Amino acid sequence: MSALPAFLFCAVVVVLIAITEPDTMSAFGIELLLTAAIPAVFAALAQCFIILAGDIDLGLGSAMGLANVVAATLLVSHLAEGVAALVGLIAAYAAIGWLVETFHVPAVIVTLGASFVWLGIALIMQPEPGGTAPNWLSRIYGLVLPVVPEPVYIVIAATGVAYWIISRTGYGVVMRAFGNRPSALTQVGRSRLRARMGLYSLAGICVVLGGLAVTAVSFGSDANASATYTLSSIAAAVIGGAEFSGGVASPTGAVLGGLALAFMSSLLSFLNVSTNYQSAVLGLCLVAVFGLRRVLKRGGGDS
């Protein structure tokens, strides 16, 4: 039920796209739409893990931009150093979780500060847009798979793995309990620090995968281009049923929310809506979806 508003939003947008541009419903059209949406999917999943801890990541877009720059530069010319840098970014996310839990610093402050660090490093590495996608990454995102286009498999796999981790593993139960009631973990002898660092590490992995996806889609890198994923990922996760109080988050809903927002941008472009008005239209759609979610919660007896 928590993912229903995101599903309805996504379905409506897809129907409108089909009416506006029927050719997009071909295999090639679907592949183009989904390929462009893959970074938004990983961004939504990353934010989903952070919100599960009861936090918000205000540096997610900048971190994806850094991963994008690393992928388009170091991974091309110095593979080992590039891999080490991306692993270091994941470790940095775990360190943020450690900092938030150990020193009780609000996550919004730490992640906002981290956003300037990510952006600064990315601009030092590449002051201007450029770079190129590694050949092996382009080949991975250019595979021809049977039955449906490759992006469909990527979206399903990412959603399935995240869902399995959160809902089907014992540690996933621990992480949900941490976000909902941290004191309960202490009572049963579990480590709150390990739970928070685990969630932040999973978010870091999704951020890196999102940065790689941006590189594969754009065939280059721009330190500033991924900034919009910060707010869109928060919106996608909340549309998908996440609660800022922590402990409640739906990977399926977050992915549907991310897809809906990405598809909505494509729809507005098809309708020749000026970029000056696209943000306003997206904002109105989000308000409508949030309203629908509230109505559904009341109808289900949720206070």
Protein backbone atom coordinates (compact mmCIF):
# COMPACT_ATOMS: atom_id res chain seq x y z
CA MET A 1 0.00 0.00 0.00
CA SER A 2 2.85 2.43 0.80
CA ALA A 3 4.12 2.22 -2.79
CA LEU A 4 0.67 2.64 -4.38
CA PRO A 5 0.87 6.44 -4.92
CA ALA A 6 4.27 6.04 -6.60
CA PHE A 7 2.90 3.25 -8.81
CA LEU A 8 -0.14 5.31 -9.82
CA PHE A 9 2.01 8.37 -10.50
CA CYS A 10 4.40 6.34 -12.64
CA ALA A 11 1.56 4.62 -14.50
CA VAL A 12 -0.19 7.90 -15.31
CA VAL A 13 3.03 9.45 -16.60
CA VAL A 14 3.77 6.41 -18.78
CA VAL A 15 0.25 6.54 -20.26
CA LEU A 16 0.65 10.25 -21.02
CA ILE A 17 4.01 9.58 -22.67
CA ALA A 18 2.44 6.81 -24.77
CA ILE A 19 -0.30 9.20 -25.89
CA THR A 20 2.09 12.07 -26.59
CA GLU A 21 4.88 10.07 -28.24
CA PRO A 22 3.61 6.59 -29.24
CA ASP A 23 7.04 5.63 -30.60
CA THR A 24 8.45 5.64 -27.07
CA MET A 25 6.51 2.46 -26.37
CA SER A 26 8.67 0.51 -28.78
CA ALA A 27 11.54 -1.58 -27.41
CA PHE A 28 14.01 1.08 -28.49
CA GLY A 29 11.93 3.89 -26.97
CA ILE A 30 11.54 2.08 -23.67
CA GLU A 31 15.27 1.43 -23.61
CA LEU A 32 16.00 5.14 -24.09
CA LEU A 33 13.56 6.19 -21.38
CA LEU A 34 14.82 3.67 -18.84
CA THR A 35 18.49 4.23 -19.62
CA ALA A 36 18.12 7.92 -18.83
CA ALA A 37 16.25 7.04 -15.63
CA ILE A 38 18.79 4.56 -14.20
CA PRO A 39 20.81 7.23 -12.30
CA ALA A 40 17.57 8.41 -10.68
CA VAL A 41 16.82 4.83 -9.62
CA PHE A 42 20.15 4.42 -7.82
CA ALA A 43 19.83 7.90 -6.27
CA ALA A 44 16.37 7.01 -4.92
CA LEU A 45 17.66 3.74 -3.44
CA ALA A 46 20.60 5.53 -1.81
CA GLN A 47 18.29 8.06 -0.19
CA CYS A 48 15.95 5.22 0.80
CA PHE A 49 18.69 3.63 2.92
CA ILE A 50 19.54 6.97 4.54
CA ILE A 51 15.89 7.73 5.33
CA LEU A 52 15.55 4.23 6.75
CA ALA A 53 18.02 5.38 9.41
CA GLY A 54 15.87 8.42 10.10
CA ASP A 55 18.31 10.75 8.32
CA ILE A 56 18.46 12.78 5.09
CA ASP A 57 21.45 13.00 2.76
CA LEU A 58 21.82 16.54 1.42
CA GLY A 59 25.09 15.69 -0.31
CA LEU A 60 23.88 12.79 -2.42
CA GLY A 61 23.88 14.66 -5.73
CA SER A 62 27.38 16.03 -5.21
CA ALA A 63 28.64 12.57 -4.22
CA MET A 64 27.18 11.12 -7.42
CA GLY A 65 28.89 13.93 -9.31
CA LEU A 66 32.22 12.97 -7.74
CA ALA A 67 31.68 9.31 -8.64
CA ASN A 68 30.83 10.46 -12.17
CA VAL A 69 34.08 12.42 -12.44
CA VAL A 70 36.15 9.56 -11.04
CA ALA A 71 34.54 7.13 -13.49
CA ALA A 72 35.17 9.38 -16.51
CA THR A 73 38.77 10.17 -15.60
CA LEU A 74 40.60 7.80 -13.27
CA LEU A 75 38.74 4.66 -14.35
CA VAL A 76 39.77 5.42 -17.92
CA SER A 77 43.46 6.11 -17.40
CA HIS A 78 44.29 4.58 -14.00
CA LEU A 79 41.86 1.74 -13.26
CA ALA A 80 43.31 0.71 -9.89
CA GLU A 81 43.35 4.28 -8.58
CA GLY A 82 39.82 4.83 -9.84
CA VAL A 83 38.50 1.72 -8.11
CA ALA A 84 40.29 2.75 -4.91
CA ALA A 85 38.71 6.22 -5.11
CA LEU A 86 35.21 4.78 -5.49
CA VAL A 87 35.78 2.35 -2.62
CA GLY A 88 37.04 5.32 -0.63
CA LEU A 89 33.79 7.18 -1.36
CA ILE A 90 31.80 4.24 0.02
CA ALA A 91 34.06 4.20 3.08
CA ALA A 92 33.50 7.94 3.48
CA TYR A 93 29.76 7.29 3.62
CA ALA A 94 30.31 4.73 6.36
CA ALA A 95 32.45 7.33 8.18
CA ILE A 96 29.59 9.83 7.97
CA GLY A 97 27.34 7.25 9.61
CA TRP A 98 29.96 6.79 12.33
CA LEU A 99 30.20 10.55 12.87
CA VAL A 100 26.44 11.02 13.09
CA GLU A 101 25.97 8.16 15.54
CA THR A 102 29.06 8.71 17.70
CA PHE A 103 28.88 12.46 18.12
CA HIS A 104 25.12 12.88 17.66
CA VAL A 105 25.60 15.47 14.94
CA PRO A 106 22.44 15.96 12.83
CA ALA A 107 22.83 14.15 9.52
CA VAL A 108 21.59 17.16 7.55
CA ILE A 109 24.53 19.19 8.83
CA VAL A 110 27.14 16.52 8.18
CA THR A 111 25.84 15.61 4.73
CA LEU A 112 25.45 19.27 3.75
CA GLY A 113 29.07 19.88 4.73
CA ALA A 114 30.11 16.73 2.89
CA SER A 115 28.40 18.00 -0.26
CA PHE A 116 30.92 20.84 -0.49
CA VAL A 117 33.76 18.36 0.02
CA TRP A 118 32.49 16.09 -2.77
CA LEU A 119 31.97 19.02 -5.14
CA GLY A 120 35.36 20.54 -4.30
CA ILE A 121 37.24 17.30 -4.96
CA ALA A 122 35.35 16.77 -8.21
CA LEU A 123 36.14 20.29 -9.43
CA ILE A 124 39.81 19.87 -8.53
CA MET A 125 39.90 16.67 -10.55
CA GLN A 126 37.95 18.16 -13.46
CA PRO A 127 37.22 21.91 -13.44
CA GLU A 128 35.27 21.74 -16.70
CA PRO A 129 32.88 19.11 -18.10
CA GLY A 130 34.70 16.46 -20.09
CA GLY A 131 36.14 13.02 -19.68
CA THR A 132 34.84 9.90 -21.32
CA ALA A 133 33.11 6.70 -20.31
CA PRO A 134 35.45 3.69 -19.92
CA ASN A 135 35.06 1.24 -22.78
CA TRP A 136 34.15 -1.61 -20.42
CA LEU A 137 31.41 0.51 -18.81
CA SER A 138 29.96 1.44 -22.20
CA ARG A 139 29.97 -2.24 -23.18
CA ILE A 140 28.16 -3.20 -19.96
CA TYR A 141 25.44 -0.61 -20.58
CA GLY A 142 25.27 -1.57 -24.25
CA LEU A 143 24.54 -5.26 -23.84
CA VAL A 144 21.78 -6.75 -25.97
CA LEU A 145 19.80 -9.11 -23.76
CA PRO A 146 16.86 -11.37 -24.66
CA VAL A 147 13.15 -10.58 -24.22
CA VAL A 148 13.40 -7.00 -22.86
CA PRO A 149 15.94 -4.14 -23.09
CA GLU A 150 18.89 -4.25 -20.70
CA PRO A 151 17.76 -1.26 -18.55
CA VAL A 152 14.69 -3.27 -17.52
CA TYR A 153 16.97 -5.94 -16.06
CA ILE A 154 19.08 -3.31 -14.29
CA VAL A 155 16.05 -1.67 -12.67
CA ILE A 156 14.55 -5.01 -11.61
CA ALA A 157 17.88 -6.28 -10.26
CA ALA A 158 18.60 -3.10 -8.29
CA THR A 159 15.10 -3.09 -6.81
CA GLY A 160 15.17 -6.81 -6.04
CA VAL A 161 18.53 -6.72 -4.28
CA ALA A 162 17.55 -3.69 -2.17
CA TYR A 163 14.21 -5.28 -1.27
CA TRP A 164 15.91 -8.56 -0.33
CA ILE A 165 18.42 -6.78 1.90
CA ILE A 166 15.80 -4.75 3.73
CA SER A 167 12.91 -7.20 3.90
CA ARG A 168 14.32 -10.71 3.60
CA THR A 169 17.53 -10.74 5.63
CA GLY A 170 17.99 -10.80 9.36
CA TYR A 171 20.24 -7.79 9.22
CA GLY A 172 17.60 -5.93 7.25
CA VAL A 173 15.21 -6.44 10.17
CA VAL A 174 17.88 -5.02 12.47
CA MET A 175 18.33 -1.95 10.24
CA ARG A 176 14.59 -1.29 10.10
CA ALA A 177 14.35 -1.64 13.85
CA PHE A 178 17.20 0.82 14.24
CA GLY A 179 15.47 3.49 12.21
CA ASN A 180 12.13 2.94 13.93
CA ARG A 181 13.32 2.49 17.52
CA PRO A 182 17.10 2.72 18.08
CA SER A 183 16.82 1.97 21.79
CA ALA A 184 15.39 -1.45 20.98
CA LEU A 185 18.68 -2.49 19.41
CA THR A 186 20.58 -1.69 22.58
CA GLN A 187 18.11 -3.69 24.62
CA VAL A 188 18.71 -6.82 22.55
CA GLY A 189 22.48 -6.36 22.46
CA ARG A 190 22.76 -5.05 18.92
CA SER A 191 25.10 -2.24 17.88
CA ARG A 192 23.41 1.01 16.85
CA LEU A 193 26.71 2.20 15.40
CA ARG A 194 27.04 -0.85 13.18
CA ALA A 195 23.45 -0.52 11.99
CA ARG A 196 23.82 3.13 11.01
CA MET A 197 27.18 2.56 9.34
CA GLY A 198 25.68 -0.38 7.46
CA LEU A 199 22.84 1.73 6.09
CA TYR A 200 25.22 4.52 5.10
CA SER A 201 27.54 2.01 3.41
CA LEU A 202 24.64 0.63 1.36
CA ALA A 203 23.75 4.20 0.39
CA GLY A 204 27.36 4.80 -0.64
CA ILE A 205 27.30 1.74 -2.89
CA CYS A 206 24.14 3.03 -4.60
CA VAL A 207 25.74 6.47 -4.98
CA VAL A 208 28.75 4.93 -6.74
CA LEU A 209 26.50 2.83 -8.99
CA GLY A 210 24.50 5.96 -9.76
CA GLY A 211 27.66 7.87 -10.68
CA LEU A 212 28.73 5.05 -12.98
CA ALA A 213 25.27 5.12 -14.59
CA VAL A 214 25.55 8.88 -15.17
CA THR A 215 28.90 8.30 -16.86
CA ALA A 216 27.51 5.56 -19.08
CA VAL A 217 24.48 7.64 -20.04
CA SER A 218 26.29 10.94 -20.67
CA PHE A 219 29.55 9.45 -22.05
CA GLY A 220 31.46 11.95 -19.90
CA SER A 221 31.33 13.80 -16.61
CA ASP A 222 30.31 17.10 -15.09
CA ALA A 223 30.85 17.76 -11.38
CA ASN A 224 27.69 19.91 -11.18
CA ALA A 225 25.34 17.92 -13.39
CA SER A 226 24.18 15.47 -10.69
CA ALA A 227 23.23 18.10 -8.10
CA THR A 228 19.53 17.76 -8.92
CA TYR A 229 19.50 14.15 -7.71
CA THR A 230 19.67 15.32 -4.09
CA LEU A 231 16.16 16.74 -3.89
CA SER A 232 14.66 14.40 -6.49
CA SER A 233 15.91 11.37 -4.54
CA ILE A 234 14.27 12.66 -1.36
CA ALA A 235 11.02 13.23 -3.25
CA ALA A 236 11.20 9.78 -4.87
CA ALA A 237 11.76 8.01 -1.54
CA VAL A 238 8.94 9.87 0.19
CA ILE A 239 6.55 9.36 -2.73
CA GLY A 240 7.43 5.68 -2.46
CA GLY A 241 6.31 5.45 1.16
CA ALA A 242 9.35 6.42 3.23
CA GLU A 243 8.85 8.18 6.55
CA PHE A 244 11.32 10.77 7.86
CA SER A 245 10.87 9.31 11.34
CA GLY A 246 12.95 6.34 10.19
CA GLY A 247 12.36 2.60 10.01
CA VAL A 248 9.85 2.87 7.15
CA ALA A 249 11.10 2.82 3.56
CA SER A 250 10.17 0.89 0.46
CA PRO A 251 12.83 0.19 -2.17
CA THR A 252 10.10 -0.68 -4.67
CA GLY A 253 8.26 2.54 -3.94
CA ALA A 254 11.46 4.60 -4.09
CA VAL A 255 12.35 3.13 -7.48
CA LEU A 256 8.85 3.78 -8.81
CA GLY A 257 9.09 7.33 -7.51
CA GLY A 258 12.46 7.82 -9.17
CA LEU A 259 11.18 6.43 -12.45
CA ALA A 260 8.06 8.61 -12.29
CA LEU A 261 10.09 11.78 -11.78
CA ALA A 262 12.51 10.88 -14.56
CA PHE A 263 9.66 10.01 -16.92
CA MET A 264 7.87 13.23 -15.97
CA SER A 265 10.88 15.24 -17.09
CA SER A 266 10.80 13.41 -20.42
CA LEU A 267 7.06 14.01 -20.77
CA LEU A 268 7.45 17.75 -20.18
CA SER A 269 10.15 17.84 -22.84
CA PHE A 270 7.89 15.99 -25.27
CA LEU A 271 5.17 18.58 -24.56
CA ASN A 272 7.67 21.38 -25.22
CA VAL A 273 7.14 22.81 -21.76
CA SER A 274 9.77 25.46 -21.13
CA THR A 275 12.50 24.52 -18.69
CA ASN A 276 11.50 27.66 -16.78
CA TYR A 277 8.19 26.01 -15.89
CA GLN A 278 9.22 22.35 -15.56
CA SER A 279 10.23 22.66 -11.90
CA ALA A 280 6.90 24.27 -11.07
CA VAL A 281 4.95 21.53 -12.86
CA LEU A 282 6.97 18.82 -11.12
CA GLY A 283 6.33 20.53 -7.79
CA LEU A 284 2.59 20.59 -8.37
CA CYS A 285 2.64 16.90 -9.32
CA LEU A 286 4.53 16.07 -6.14
CA VAL A 287 2.01 17.96 -4.02
CA ALA A 288 -0.81 16.01 -5.69
CA VAL A 289 0.94 12.67 -5.08
CA PHE A 290 1.64 13.54 -1.45
CA GLY A 291 -2.02 14.46 -1.06
CA LEU A 292 -3.07 11.13 -2.55
CA ARG A 293 -0.74 9.32 -0.19
CA ARG A 294 -2.28 11.10 2.78
CA VAL A 295 -5.80 10.23 1.63
CA LEU A 296 -4.83 6.57 1.22
CA LYS A 297 -3.28 6.51 4.68
CA ARG A 298 -6.44 7.94 6.24
CA GLY A 299 -8.57 5.49 4.27
CA GLY A 300 -6.47 2.65 5.66
CA GLY A 301 -7.04 3.85 9.20
CA ASP A 302 -3.50 5.15 9.64
CA SER A 303 -3.30 8.21 11.82
